[in-house]
Amino acid sequence: MQECPKADIAVALLVSESVRLLTKYNNIEKLCRIDEKRLLEILLSCIKDGENTLIDDMDYLSIFDIEEPVRASEIWKYLFFETGVNKNA
């Protein structure tokens, strides 16, 4: 049984809109230039440290137009506002 179906839908909406945003414009080209091993390192760090993971891969951050190292939570905040999901919250 689900505890909060609305929350599940909100997360699914944020993820799907984030993928849509990341594939717009030239972001897909930036994404393709990042080596899978580097993406795996970011993923494993996020699995270990969650939202407190410090992400300092500037090529990865450039996808989000971020110019300095930030915590993973800041990237999610960026996506929340850039996708417009915050307007549906």
Protein backbone atom coordinates (compact mmCIF):
# COMPACT_ATOMS: atom_id res chain seq x y z
CA MET A 1 0.00 0.00 0.00
CA GLN A 2 1.28 3.46 -0.84
CA GLU A 3 1.69 5.93 1.96
CA CYS A 4 1.17 9.05 -0.14
CA PRO A 5 0.23 8.61 -3.80
CA LYS A 6 0.34 12.40 -4.41
CA ALA A 7 3.96 12.52 -3.28
CA ASP A 8 4.82 9.57 -5.55
CA ILE A 9 3.21 11.35 -8.50
CA ALA A 10 5.02 14.60 -7.67
CA VAL A 11 8.40 12.83 -7.65
CA ALA A 12 7.60 11.06 -10.92
CA LEU A 13 6.60 14.40 -12.47
CA LEU A 14 9.83 16.07 -11.32
CA VAL A 15 11.95 13.24 -12.71
CA SER A 16 10.15 13.13 -16.06
CA GLU A 17 10.23 16.92 -16.47
CA SER A 18 13.91 16.95 -15.51
CA VAL A 19 14.70 14.44 -18.25
CA ARG A 20 12.70 16.55 -20.70
CA LEU A 21 14.62 19.69 -19.66
CA LEU A 22 17.99 17.97 -19.91
CA THR A 23 17.30 16.78 -23.44
CA LYS A 24 16.24 20.22 -24.67
CA TYR A 25 18.55 22.70 -26.32
CA ASN A 26 22.15 21.50 -26.49
CA ASN A 27 22.18 19.71 -23.16
CA ILE A 28 22.08 16.28 -24.77
CA GLU A 29 25.39 17.06 -26.47
CA LYS A 30 26.90 18.10 -23.13
CA LEU A 31 25.57 14.94 -21.52
CA CYS A 32 27.05 12.72 -24.21
CA ARG A 33 30.51 14.24 -23.70
CA ILE A 34 30.66 13.10 -20.07
CA ASP A 35 32.33 9.74 -19.60
CA GLU A 36 30.13 7.05 -18.03
CA LYS A 37 32.72 6.42 -15.33
CA ARG A 38 32.44 10.02 -14.18
CA LEU A 39 28.65 9.77 -14.08
CA LEU A 40 28.95 6.52 -12.12
CA GLU A 41 31.19 8.24 -9.57
CA ILE A 42 28.57 10.95 -9.08
CA LEU A 43 25.79 8.37 -8.79
CA LEU A 44 27.67 6.25 -6.24
CA SER A 45 28.53 9.33 -4.19
CA CYS A 46 24.86 10.34 -4.20
CA ILE A 47 23.81 6.85 -3.14
CA LYS A 48 26.27 7.04 -0.25
CA ASP A 49 25.82 10.66 0.88
CA GLY A 50 22.42 11.60 -0.59
CA GLU A 51 21.57 15.26 -0.92
CA ASN A 52 24.75 16.25 0.91
CA THR A 53 27.00 14.93 -1.87
CA LEU A 54 29.35 17.65 -3.05
CA ILE A 55 29.44 17.58 -6.84
CA ASP A 56 32.52 19.22 -8.29
CA ASP A 57 32.63 17.82 -11.83
CA MET A 58 32.45 21.08 -13.73
CA ASP A 59 31.56 19.41 -17.05
CA TYR A 60 28.56 17.80 -15.36
CA LEU A 61 27.58 21.02 -13.61
CA SER A 62 27.79 22.96 -16.88
CA ILE A 63 24.70 21.03 -18.02
CA PHE A 64 22.82 23.00 -15.39
CA ASP A 65 24.69 26.26 -16.03
CA ILE A 66 26.25 25.93 -12.59
CA GLU A 67 29.75 27.38 -12.36
CA GLU A 68 30.93 26.18 -8.94
CA PRO A 69 30.77 22.96 -6.90
CA VAL A 70 27.39 22.42 -5.23
CA ARG A 71 25.60 19.81 -3.18
CA ALA A 72 23.25 17.40 -4.95
CA SER A 73 20.31 19.07 -3.21
CA GLU A 74 21.09 22.32 -5.04
CA ILE A 75 20.83 20.57 -8.39
CA TRP A 76 17.42 19.20 -7.43
CA LYS A 77 16.32 22.67 -6.35
CA TYR A 78 17.50 24.03 -9.70
CA LEU A 79 15.53 21.33 -11.54
CA PHE A 80 12.45 21.91 -9.39
CA PHE A 81 12.28 25.55 -10.43
CA GLU A 82 13.57 25.25 -14.00
CA THR A 83 11.08 22.53 -14.92
CA GLY A 84 8.16 24.56 -13.57
CA VAL A 85 7.09 21.70 -11.32
CA ASN A 86 7.09 24.15 -8.41
CA LYS A 87 4.08 25.85 -10.02
CA ASN A 88 2.11 22.61 -9.74
CA ALA A 89 3.10 21.98 -6.11
